[in-house]
Amino acid sequence: MIPLIDVSLILVIIFMVLTPMLVRSELTVKLPKSKSANPVSSSNALTVQITSSGALLVGGNAIPWGNLKQELILKLAHAAQKTVLVEADHSVPIEKVVYVMDTAKRLGVGKLGVGVSQTPH
């Protein structure tokens, strides 16, 4: 019985040491960098920009994060093609980019693109 208790305690200690290391591991995503100076023509696409300070710009107009869904509904209602281009600074957390993409997809966007902001903010 005593060897079983010893083995159990050793396993508990091993799990106690390994658990913090497993919790700290996180997914790192490297955003693409632009190599060309010629921007892609996005005249038909609605541009959503996320600046390095965390500000949200839809079609060039700054809006609060809470109004993103309503603003996209208004802008996409008048668009011939439902295309959204999400541009983010390289220092923006990926969660914010995914939130914008998820919101756009839930509204029925046909095409969704991701890019890097051309100018630093």
N, C-alpha and C. Protein backbone atom coordinates (compact mmCIF):
# COMPACT_ATOMS: atom_id res chain seq x y z
N MET A 1 0.82 -1.20 0.00
CA MET A 1 0.00 0.00 0.00
C MET A 1 0.86 1.26 0.00
N ILE A 2 1.96 1.22 0.75
CA ILE A 2 2.84 2.40 0.84
C ILE A 2 3.48 2.73 -0.51
N PRO A 3 3.95 1.75 -1.32
CA PRO A 3 4.48 2.11 -2.64
C PRO A 3 3.44 2.78 -3.55
N LEU A 4 2.18 2.38 -3.43
CA LEU A 4 1.13 3.00 -4.22
C LEU A 4 0.94 4.46 -3.83
N ILE A 5 1.01 4.75 -2.54
CA ILE A 5 0.89 6.14 -2.07
C ILE A 5 2.08 6.96 -2.54
N ASP A 6 3.27 6.38 -2.52
CA ASP A 6 4.47 7.09 -2.98
C ASP A 6 4.37 7.44 -4.47
N VAL A 7 3.93 6.48 -5.25
CA VAL A 7 3.78 6.72 -6.70
C VAL A 7 2.72 7.80 -6.94
N SER A 8 1.64 7.75 -6.20
CA SER A 8 0.58 8.75 -6.35
C SER A 8 1.08 10.14 -6.00
N LEU A 9 1.82 10.28 -4.93
CA LEU A 9 2.35 11.58 -4.54
C LEU A 9 3.36 12.12 -5.55
N ILE A 10 4.16 11.24 -6.11
CA ILE A 10 5.12 11.66 -7.14
C ILE A 10 4.38 12.15 -8.38
N LEU A 11 3.31 11.46 -8.78
CA LEU A 11 2.52 11.91 -9.92
C LEU A 11 1.86 13.26 -9.65
N VAL A 12 1.37 13.46 -8.45
CA VAL A 12 0.76 14.75 -8.09
C VAL A 12 1.79 15.86 -8.19
N ILE A 13 3.00 15.61 -7.71
CA ILE A 13 4.07 16.62 -7.77
C ILE A 13 4.43 16.92 -9.22
N ILE A 14 4.53 15.89 -10.05
CA ILE A 14 4.85 16.10 -11.46
C ILE A 14 3.78 16.95 -12.13
N PHE A 15 2.51 16.66 -11.89
CA PHE A 15 1.43 17.45 -12.48
C PHE A 15 1.42 18.88 -11.95
N MET A 16 1.76 19.06 -10.69
CA MET A 16 1.81 20.41 -10.13
C MET A 16 2.91 21.24 -10.77
N VAL A 17 4.01 20.60 -11.14
CA VAL A 17 5.12 21.32 -11.79
C VAL A 17 4.80 21.58 -13.26
N LEU A 18 4.18 20.64 -13.95
CA LEU A 18 3.93 20.78 -15.38
C LEU A 18 2.74 21.68 -15.72
N THR A 19 1.75 21.75 -14.87
CA THR A 19 0.54 22.51 -15.17
C THR A 19 0.81 23.99 -15.45
N PRO A 20 1.59 24.71 -14.65
CA PRO A 20 1.85 26.12 -14.99
C PRO A 20 2.54 26.30 -16.33
N MET A 21 3.41 25.36 -16.69
CA MET A 21 4.09 25.47 -17.99
C MET A 21 3.11 25.28 -19.14
N LEU A 22 2.16 24.38 -18.98
CA LEU A 22 1.17 24.14 -20.03
C LEU A 22 0.20 25.30 -20.15
N VAL A 23 -0.13 25.94 -19.04
CA VAL A 23 -1.08 27.05 -19.06
C VAL A 23 -0.44 28.27 -19.72
N ARG A 24 0.85 28.46 -19.52
CA ARG A 24 1.54 29.64 -20.08
C ARG A 24 1.76 29.55 -21.57
N SER A 25 1.75 28.35 -22.12
CA SER A 25 1.96 28.23 -23.56
C SER A 25 0.79 28.87 -24.28
N GLU A 26 1.09 29.67 -25.27
CA GLU A 26 0.05 30.39 -26.00
C GLU A 26 0.37 30.37 -27.48
N LEU A 27 -0.62 30.63 -28.26
CA LEU A 27 -0.49 30.64 -29.71
C LEU A 27 0.08 31.97 -30.16
N THR A 28 1.18 31.95 -30.88
CA THR A 28 1.74 33.18 -31.41
C THR A 28 1.47 33.23 -32.90
N VAL A 29 0.98 34.35 -33.36
CA VAL A 29 0.64 34.53 -34.76
C VAL A 29 1.45 35.70 -35.30
N LYS A 30 2.12 35.48 -36.40
CA LYS A 30 2.86 36.55 -37.04
C LYS A 30 2.03 37.09 -38.19
N LEU A 31 1.69 38.38 -38.11
CA LEU A 31 0.91 38.99 -39.18
C LEU A 31 1.80 39.22 -40.40
N PRO A 32 1.24 39.18 -41.58
CA PRO A 32 2.04 39.37 -42.78
C PRO A 32 2.54 40.80 -42.89
N LYS A 33 3.67 40.95 -43.57
CA LYS A 33 4.23 42.28 -43.82
C LYS A 33 4.13 42.55 -45.32
N SER A 34 3.87 43.79 -45.64
CA SER A 34 3.73 44.19 -47.03
C SER A 34 5.10 44.39 -47.64
N LYS A 35 5.33 43.77 -48.80
CA LYS A 35 6.61 43.93 -49.48
C LYS A 35 6.50 44.85 -50.69
N SER A 36 5.29 45.08 -51.18
CA SER A 36 5.12 45.92 -52.36
C SER A 36 4.55 47.27 -51.95
N ALA A 37 4.87 48.26 -52.74
CA ALA A 37 4.38 49.61 -52.45
C ALA A 37 3.05 49.88 -53.12
N ASN A 38 2.59 48.98 -54.00
CA ASN A 38 1.34 49.16 -54.71
C ASN A 38 0.20 48.54 -53.93
N PRO A 39 -0.70 49.35 -53.36
CA PRO A 39 -1.81 48.77 -52.63
C PRO A 39 -2.82 48.11 -53.56
N VAL A 40 -3.48 47.10 -53.06
CA VAL A 40 -4.51 46.40 -53.83
C VAL A 40 -5.72 47.31 -53.94
N SER A 41 -6.33 47.35 -55.12
CA SER A 41 -7.51 48.17 -55.31
C SER A 41 -8.66 47.62 -54.49
N SER A 42 -9.14 48.44 -53.55
CA SER A 42 -10.24 47.99 -52.69
C SER A 42 -11.38 48.99 -52.77
N SER A 43 -11.69 49.43 -54.00
CA SER A 43 -12.73 50.44 -54.16
C SER A 43 -14.12 49.88 -53.82
N ASN A 44 -14.31 48.58 -54.04
CA ASN A 44 -15.61 47.97 -53.75
C ASN A 44 -15.69 47.41 -52.33
N ALA A 45 -14.57 47.34 -51.64
CA ALA A 45 -14.55 46.73 -50.31
C ALA A 45 -14.70 47.78 -49.22
N LEU A 46 -15.41 47.40 -48.17
CA LEU A 46 -15.52 48.23 -46.98
C LEU A 46 -14.28 47.97 -46.13
N THR A 47 -13.52 49.01 -45.82
CA THR A 47 -12.28 48.86 -45.08
C THR A 47 -12.52 49.10 -43.60
N VAL A 48 -12.10 48.14 -42.78
CA VAL A 48 -12.14 48.26 -41.32
C VAL A 48 -10.69 48.26 -40.84
N GLN A 49 -10.27 49.36 -40.23
CA GLN A 49 -8.89 49.48 -39.77
C GLN A 49 -8.83 49.43 -38.25
N ILE A 50 -7.81 48.76 -37.74
CA ILE A 50 -7.54 48.73 -36.30
C ILE A 50 -6.14 49.30 -36.12
N THR A 51 -6.05 50.44 -35.44
CA THR A 51 -4.76 51.10 -35.26
C THR A 51 -3.99 50.48 -34.10
N SER A 52 -2.73 50.85 -33.99
CA SER A 52 -1.90 50.31 -32.91
C SER A 52 -2.39 50.76 -31.53
N SER A 53 -3.10 51.88 -31.47
CA SER A 53 -3.64 52.35 -30.19
C SER A 53 -4.95 51.66 -29.85
N GLY A 54 -5.48 50.83 -30.76
CA GLY A 54 -6.72 50.10 -30.49
C GLY A 54 -7.96 50.78 -31.03
N ALA A 55 -7.79 51.90 -31.74
CA ALA A 55 -8.94 52.61 -32.31
C ALA A 55 -9.49 51.83 -33.51
N LEU A 56 -10.79 51.91 -33.71
CA LEU A 56 -11.47 51.20 -34.78
C LEU A 56 -12.00 52.20 -35.79
N LEU A 57 -11.63 52.03 -37.06
CA LEU A 57 -12.08 52.91 -38.13
C LEU A 57 -12.84 52.09 -39.16
N VAL A 58 -14.07 52.46 -39.43
CA VAL A 58 -14.88 51.78 -40.45
C VAL A 58 -15.11 52.78 -41.57
N GLY A 59 -14.56 52.46 -42.75
CA GLY A 59 -14.68 53.37 -43.88
C GLY A 59 -14.02 54.71 -43.62
N GLY A 60 -13.01 54.75 -42.77
CA GLY A 60 -12.30 55.99 -42.47
C GLY A 60 -12.86 56.77 -41.29
N ASN A 61 -14.00 56.36 -40.76
CA ASN A 61 -14.63 57.05 -39.63
C ASN A 61 -14.39 56.28 -38.34
N ALA A 62 -13.90 56.97 -37.30
CA ALA A 62 -13.65 56.32 -36.01
C ALA A 62 -14.99 56.02 -35.32
N ILE A 63 -15.10 54.79 -34.83
CA ILE A 63 -16.31 54.38 -34.11
C ILE A 63 -15.90 53.62 -32.85
N PRO A 64 -16.77 53.58 -31.84
CA PRO A 64 -16.49 52.75 -30.66
C PRO A 64 -16.65 51.27 -30.99
N TRP A 65 -15.94 50.41 -30.26
CA TRP A 65 -16.00 48.97 -30.50
C TRP A 65 -17.41 48.42 -30.34
N GLY A 66 -18.19 49.00 -29.46
CA GLY A 66 -19.55 48.51 -29.22
C GLY A 66 -20.50 48.76 -30.39
N ASN A 67 -20.16 49.70 -31.27
CA ASN A 67 -21.02 50.04 -32.41
C ASN A 67 -20.58 49.37 -33.71
N LEU A 68 -19.65 48.42 -33.63
CA LEU A 68 -19.13 47.80 -34.85
C LEU A 68 -20.23 47.11 -35.65
N LYS A 69 -21.05 46.32 -34.99
CA LYS A 69 -22.10 45.57 -35.69
C LYS A 69 -23.08 46.50 -36.39
N GLN A 70 -23.54 47.54 -35.69
CA GLN A 70 -24.50 48.47 -36.29
C GLN A 70 -23.89 49.22 -37.47
N GLU A 71 -22.64 49.60 -37.33
CA GLU A 71 -21.97 50.34 -38.42
C GLU A 71 -21.79 49.46 -39.65
N LEU A 72 -21.41 48.19 -39.43
CA LEU A 72 -21.27 47.28 -40.57
C LEU A 72 -22.61 47.02 -41.25
N ILE A 73 -23.67 46.91 -40.46
CA ILE A 73 -25.00 46.72 -41.05
C ILE A 73 -25.36 47.91 -41.94
N LEU A 74 -25.11 49.12 -41.44
CA LEU A 74 -25.43 50.32 -42.23
C LEU A 74 -24.60 50.41 -43.50
N LYS A 75 -23.31 50.17 -43.39
CA LYS A 75 -22.42 50.30 -44.56
C LYS A 75 -22.66 49.19 -45.58
N LEU A 76 -22.90 47.97 -45.11
CA LEU A 76 -23.08 46.86 -46.04
C LEU A 76 -24.44 46.87 -46.71
N ALA A 77 -25.41 47.55 -46.11
CA ALA A 77 -26.75 47.63 -46.72
C ALA A 77 -26.70 48.40 -48.03
N HIS A 78 -25.79 49.37 -48.16
CA HIS A 78 -25.69 50.19 -49.36
C HIS A 78 -24.65 49.67 -50.34
N ALA A 79 -23.93 48.61 -49.98
CA ALA A 79 -22.87 48.10 -50.84
C ALA A 79 -23.42 47.12 -51.86
N ALA A 80 -22.91 47.20 -53.10
CA ALA A 80 -23.32 46.28 -54.14
C ALA A 80 -22.76 44.89 -53.87
N GLN A 81 -21.49 44.84 -53.47
CA GLN A 81 -20.87 43.57 -53.11
C GLN A 81 -20.53 43.62 -51.63
N LYS A 82 -20.84 42.56 -50.92
CA LYS A 82 -20.56 42.54 -49.49
C LYS A 82 -19.14 42.01 -49.27
N THR A 83 -18.17 42.93 -49.36
CA THR A 83 -16.77 42.61 -49.20
C THR A 83 -16.20 43.49 -48.10
N VAL A 84 -15.48 42.87 -47.15
CA VAL A 84 -14.87 43.61 -46.05
C VAL A 84 -13.38 43.31 -46.04
N LEU A 85 -12.57 44.37 -45.92
CA LEU A 85 -11.13 44.26 -45.81
C LEU A 85 -10.73 44.74 -44.42
N VAL A 86 -10.14 43.87 -43.62
CA VAL A 86 -9.71 44.20 -42.26
C VAL A 86 -8.22 44.50 -42.31
N GLU A 87 -7.85 45.74 -41.98
CA GLU A 87 -6.44 46.14 -41.93
C GLU A 87 -6.07 46.41 -40.49
N ALA A 88 -4.99 45.80 -40.04
CA ALA A 88 -4.56 45.97 -38.65
C ALA A 88 -3.08 46.26 -38.59
N ASP A 89 -2.69 47.03 -37.58
CA ASP A 89 -1.28 47.27 -37.31
C ASP A 89 -0.66 45.98 -36.79
N HIS A 90 0.63 45.80 -37.02
CA HIS A 90 1.27 44.55 -36.60
C HIS A 90 1.28 44.35 -35.09
N SER A 91 1.09 45.41 -34.32
CA SER A 91 1.11 45.27 -32.85
C SER A 91 -0.28 45.02 -32.26
N VAL A 92 -1.31 44.96 -33.09
CA VAL A 92 -2.67 44.74 -32.60
C VAL A 92 -2.83 43.28 -32.19
N PRO A 93 -3.42 43.01 -31.02
CA PRO A 93 -3.67 41.61 -30.63
C PRO A 93 -4.58 40.91 -31.64
N ILE A 94 -4.27 39.67 -31.94
CA ILE A 94 -5.01 38.92 -32.95
C ILE A 94 -6.48 38.75 -32.56
N GLU A 95 -6.79 38.81 -31.27
CA GLU A 95 -8.17 38.65 -30.82
C GLU A 95 -9.07 39.74 -31.39
N LYS A 96 -8.54 40.96 -31.51
CA LYS A 96 -9.34 42.07 -32.05
C LYS A 96 -9.62 41.86 -33.53
N VAL A 97 -8.64 41.36 -34.26
CA VAL A 97 -8.83 41.10 -35.69
C VAL A 97 -9.86 39.98 -35.88
N VAL A 98 -9.76 38.94 -35.07
CA VAL A 98 -10.71 37.82 -35.16
C VAL A 98 -12.11 38.28 -34.80
N TYR A 99 -12.23 39.19 -33.82
CA TYR A 99 -13.55 39.72 -33.43
C TYR A 99 -14.20 40.45 -34.60
N VAL A 100 -13.44 41.27 -35.30
CA VAL A 100 -13.98 42.01 -36.46
C VAL A 100 -14.37 41.03 -37.56
N MET A 101 -13.52 40.04 -37.82
CA MET A 101 -13.81 39.06 -38.86
C MET A 101 -15.06 38.24 -38.51
N ASP A 102 -15.18 37.84 -37.26
CA ASP A 102 -16.33 37.06 -36.82
C ASP A 102 -17.62 37.87 -36.94
N THR A 103 -17.56 39.13 -36.55
CA THR A 103 -18.74 40.00 -36.65
C THR A 103 -19.16 40.16 -38.12
N ALA A 104 -18.20 40.35 -39.00
CA ALA A 104 -18.51 40.52 -40.42
C ALA A 104 -19.10 39.24 -41.00
N LYS A 105 -18.55 38.10 -40.65
CA LYS A 105 -19.05 36.84 -41.18
C LYS A 105 -20.47 36.55 -40.69
N ARG A 106 -20.77 36.91 -39.45
CA ARG A 106 -22.12 36.71 -38.93
C ARG A 106 -23.14 37.58 -39.64
N LEU A 107 -22.70 38.68 -40.22
CA LEU A 107 -23.61 39.57 -40.95
C LEU A 107 -23.75 39.16 -42.41
N GLY A 108 -23.12 38.06 -42.80
CA GLY A 108 -23.30 37.55 -44.16
C GLY A 108 -22.38 38.15 -45.20
N VAL A 109 -21.19 38.54 -44.82
CA VAL A 109 -20.22 39.08 -45.77
C VAL A 109 -19.79 37.98 -46.73
N GLY A 110 -19.79 38.29 -48.03
CA GLY A 110 -19.41 37.30 -49.03
C GLY A 110 -17.92 37.07 -49.08
N LYS A 111 -17.13 38.15 -49.11
CA LYS A 111 -15.68 38.03 -49.17
C LYS A 111 -15.08 38.80 -47.99
N LEU A 112 -14.05 38.22 -47.41
CA LEU A 112 -13.40 38.81 -46.25
C LEU A 112 -11.90 38.74 -46.46
N GLY A 113 -11.24 39.89 -46.38
CA GLY A 113 -9.79 39.94 -46.55
C GLY A 113 -9.10 40.51 -45.33
N VAL A 114 -7.84 40.16 -45.15
CA VAL A 114 -7.05 40.65 -44.03
C VAL A 114 -5.78 41.25 -44.60
N GLY A 115 -5.39 42.41 -44.08
CA GLY A 115 -4.18 43.07 -44.55
C GLY A 115 -3.49 43.80 -43.42
N VAL A 116 -2.33 44.34 -43.72
CA VAL A 116 -1.56 45.11 -42.77
C VAL A 116 -1.76 46.59 -43.10
N SER A 117 -1.92 47.43 -42.09
CA SER A 117 -2.11 48.86 -42.32
C SER A 117 -0.93 49.43 -43.07
N GLN A 118 -1.22 50.34 -44.01
CA GLN A 118 -0.19 50.93 -44.83
C GLN A 118 0.59 52.00 -44.09
N THR A 119 -0.08 52.74 -43.25
CA THR A 119 0.56 53.83 -42.52
C THR A 119 0.53 53.53 -41.04
N PRO A 120 1.64 53.80 -40.33
CA PRO A 120 1.62 53.58 -38.89
C PRO A 120 0.76 54.61 -38.19
N HIS A 121 0.00 54.18 -37.17
CA HIS A 121 -0.88 55.08 -36.42
C HIS A 121 -0.36 55.24 -35.02
